[in-house]
Amino acid sequence: MDVTHHVARLLCADVVVRAGLRLKAEAVAGRARDLRREWWECVHEPLAEAERKGELAAGCPPHRSSAVVLAATTGIEVLPGRTPAGSPGSP
C-alpha cells in the first residue's frame, strides 16, 4: 500500500513521472525502449530490497507487489482516454 500511495503522490506532484506515462501512452515513434518494462524494474528493485531487509508484509512478494503497481499505473495511463463522458473518473 505504501508503494501505491507513493506512486499516487508522485503522479500528482512530479511532472517527470506524468510525462513518462504520457510518453509511453503516446508510443513515441522510433523509440525502441520498453518503458513499461523499465518502470516495472524501477518499482521491483526497491521492493526486492525491502524484502531482503524484512520490510515487506508476509505474503506480499516483490513480483506480486510490482505487478499491482504496474497494473494500477497502466490503468491510470489508459483510463483518461477511455472513460465514457459522465461516468465516475471522466473529465
C-alpha atoms as a PDB file:
ATOM      1  CA  MET A   1       0.000   0.000   0.000  1.00  0.00           C
ATOM      2  CA  ASP A   2       2.823   2.399   0.787  1.00  0.00           C
ATOM      3  CA  VAL A   3       4.191   1.976  -2.731  1.00  0.00           C
ATOM      4  CA  THR A   4       0.843   2.763  -4.348  1.00  0.00           C
ATOM      5  CA  HIS A   5       0.408   5.821  -2.117  1.00  0.00           C
ATOM      6  CA  HIS A   6       3.898   6.992  -3.053  1.00  0.00           C
ATOM      7  CA  VAL A   7       3.168   6.486  -6.761  1.00  0.00           C
ATOM      8  CA  ALA A   8      -0.077   8.432  -6.419  1.00  0.00           C
ATOM      9  CA  ARG A   9       1.790  11.305  -4.747  1.00  0.00           C
ATOM     10  CA  LEU A  10       4.428  11.251  -7.492  1.00  0.00           C
ATOM     11  CA  LEU A  11       1.779  11.381 -10.198  1.00  0.00           C
ATOM     12  CA  CYS A  12       0.214  14.413  -8.537  1.00  0.00           C
ATOM     13  CA  ALA A  13       3.436  16.251  -7.775  1.00  0.00           C
ATOM     14  CA  ASP A  14       6.062  15.243 -10.333  1.00  0.00           C
ATOM     15  CA  VAL A  15       5.744  16.385 -13.926  1.00  0.00           C
ATOM     16  CA  VAL A  16       8.510  13.982 -14.997  1.00  0.00           C
ATOM     17  CA  VAL A  17       6.531  10.965 -13.763  1.00  0.00           C
ATOM     18  CA  ARG A  18       3.423  12.165 -15.588  1.00  0.00           C
ATOM     19  CA  ALA A  19       5.482  12.857 -18.723  1.00  0.00           C
ATOM     20  CA  GLY A  20       6.936   9.357 -18.629  1.00  0.00           C
ATOM     21  CA  LEU A  21       3.493   7.804 -18.527  1.00  0.00           C
ATOM     22  CA  ARG A  22       2.334  10.068 -21.313  1.00  0.00           C
ATOM     23  CA  LEU A  23       5.328   9.222 -23.499  1.00  0.00           C
ATOM     24  CA  LYS A  24       4.553   5.541 -23.135  1.00  0.00           C
ATOM     25  CA  ALA A  25       0.890   6.116 -23.873  1.00  0.00           C
ATOM     26  CA  GLU A  26       1.657   8.101 -26.990  1.00  0.00           C
ATOM     27  CA  ALA A  27       4.163   5.484 -28.213  1.00  0.00           C
ATOM     28  CA  VAL A  28       6.760   7.923 -29.478  1.00  0.00           C
ATOM     29  CA  ALA A  29       7.839   6.901 -32.986  1.00  0.00           C
ATOM     30  CA  GLY A  30      11.312   5.443 -33.359  1.00  0.00           C
ATOM     31  CA  ARG A  31      11.590   4.598 -29.688  1.00  0.00           C
ATOM     32  CA  ALA A  32      12.913   1.067 -29.172  1.00  0.00           C
ATOM     33  CA  ARG A  33      12.845   1.184 -25.370  1.00  0.00           C
ATOM     34  CA  ASP A  34      10.207  -0.685 -23.414  1.00  0.00           C
ATOM     35  CA  LEU A  35       9.248   1.992 -20.913  1.00  0.00           C
ATOM     36  CA  ARG A  36       6.694  -0.222 -19.175  1.00  0.00           C
ATOM     37  CA  ARG A  37       9.397  -2.845 -18.528  1.00  0.00           C
ATOM     38  CA  GLU A  38      11.779  -0.160 -17.274  1.00  0.00           C
ATOM     39  CA  TRP A  39       9.038   1.167 -14.962  1.00  0.00           C
ATOM     40  CA  TRP A  40       8.442  -2.352 -13.626  1.00  0.00           C
ATOM     41  CA  GLU A  41      12.165  -2.661 -12.860  1.00  0.00           C
ATOM     42  CA  CYS A  42      12.139   0.732 -11.095  1.00  0.00           C
ATOM     43  CA  VAL A  43       9.291  -0.491  -8.910  1.00  0.00           C
ATOM     44  CA  HIS A  44      10.557  -4.045  -8.425  1.00  0.00           C
ATOM     45  CA  GLU A  45      14.122  -3.251  -7.354  1.00  0.00           C
ATOM     46  CA  PRO A  46      13.206  -1.260  -4.195  1.00  0.00           C
ATOM     47  CA  LEU A  47      10.558  -3.844  -3.312  1.00  0.00           C
ATOM     48  CA  ALA A  48      13.105  -6.661  -3.663  1.00  0.00           C
ATOM     49  CA  GLU A  49      15.477  -4.705  -1.423  1.00  0.00           C
ATOM     50  CA  ALA A  50      12.684  -4.186   1.107  1.00  0.00           C
ATOM     51  CA  GLU A  51      12.031  -7.941   1.082  1.00  0.00           C
ATOM     52  CA  ARG A  52      15.726  -8.656   1.740  1.00  0.00           C
ATOM     53  CA  LYS A  53      15.546  -6.295   4.726  1.00  0.00           C
ATOM     54  CA  GLY A  54      12.360  -7.945   6.015  1.00  0.00           C
ATOM     55  CA  GLU A  55      10.310  -4.791   5.413  1.00  0.00           C
ATOM     56  CA  LEU A  56       7.561  -6.308   3.244  1.00  0.00           C
ATOM     57  CA  ALA A  57       4.419  -7.754   4.776  1.00  0.00           C
ATOM     58  CA  ALA A  58       4.142 -11.535   4.787  1.00  0.00           C
ATOM     59  CA  GLY A  59       2.515 -12.828   1.627  1.00  0.00           C
ATOM     60  CA  CYS A  60       3.486  -9.762  -0.458  1.00  0.00           C
ATOM     61  CA  PRO A  61       6.446 -10.883  -2.564  1.00  0.00           C
ATOM     62  CA  PRO A  62       8.100  -8.218  -4.724  1.00  0.00           C
ATOM     63  CA  HIS A  63       6.961  -9.705  -8.047  1.00  0.00           C
ATOM     64  CA  ARG A  64       3.297  -9.571  -6.990  1.00  0.00           C
ATOM     65  CA  SER A  65       3.567  -6.112  -5.452  1.00  0.00           C
ATOM     66  CA  SER A  66       5.316  -4.861  -8.589  1.00  0.00           C
ATOM     67  CA  ALA A  67       2.545  -6.311 -10.740  1.00  0.00           C
ATOM     68  CA  VAL A  68      -0.081  -4.458  -8.693  1.00  0.00           C
ATOM     69  CA  VAL A  69       1.750  -1.141  -9.061  1.00  0.00           C
ATOM     70  CA  LEU A  70       2.237  -1.739 -12.794  1.00  0.00           C
ATOM     71  CA  ALA A  71      -1.451  -2.586 -13.228  1.00  0.00           C
ATOM     72  CA  ALA A  72      -2.515   0.497 -11.274  1.00  0.00           C
ATOM     73  CA  THR A  73      -0.270   2.849 -13.215  1.00  0.00           C
ATOM     74  CA  THR A  74      -1.276   1.267 -16.514  1.00  0.00           C
ATOM     75  CA  GLY A  75      -4.885   1.886 -15.536  1.00  0.00           C
ATOM     76  CA  ILE A  76      -4.057   5.494 -14.705  1.00  0.00           C
ATOM     77  CA  GLU A  77      -2.331   5.792 -18.077  1.00  0.00           C
ATOM     78  CA  VAL A  78      -5.252   4.324 -20.034  1.00  0.00           C
ATOM     79  CA  LEU A  79      -8.382   5.477 -18.191  1.00  0.00           C
ATOM     80  CA  PRO A  80      -8.496   9.192 -19.051  1.00  0.00           C
ATOM     81  CA  GLY A  81      -8.793   8.475 -22.747  1.00  0.00           C
ATOM     82  CA  ARG A  82     -11.261   5.621 -22.392  1.00  0.00           C
ATOM     83  CA  THR A  83     -13.646   6.635 -19.622  1.00  0.00           C
ATOM     84  CA  PRO A  84     -17.084   7.417 -21.045  1.00  0.00           C
ATOM     85  CA  ALA A  85     -18.192  11.019 -20.534  1.00  0.00           C
ATOM     86  CA  GLY A  86     -20.343  11.437 -17.459  1.00  0.00           C
ATOM     87  CA  SER A  87     -19.064   8.317 -15.704  1.00  0.00           C
ATOM     88  CA  PRO A  88     -17.024   8.401 -12.478  1.00  0.00           C
ATOM     89  CA  GLY A  89     -13.455   9.393 -13.268  1.00  0.00           C
ATOM     90  CA  SER A  90     -14.307  11.168 -16.510  1.00  0.00           C
ATOM     91  CA  PRO A  91     -13.099  14.734 -17.040  1.00  0.00           C
END
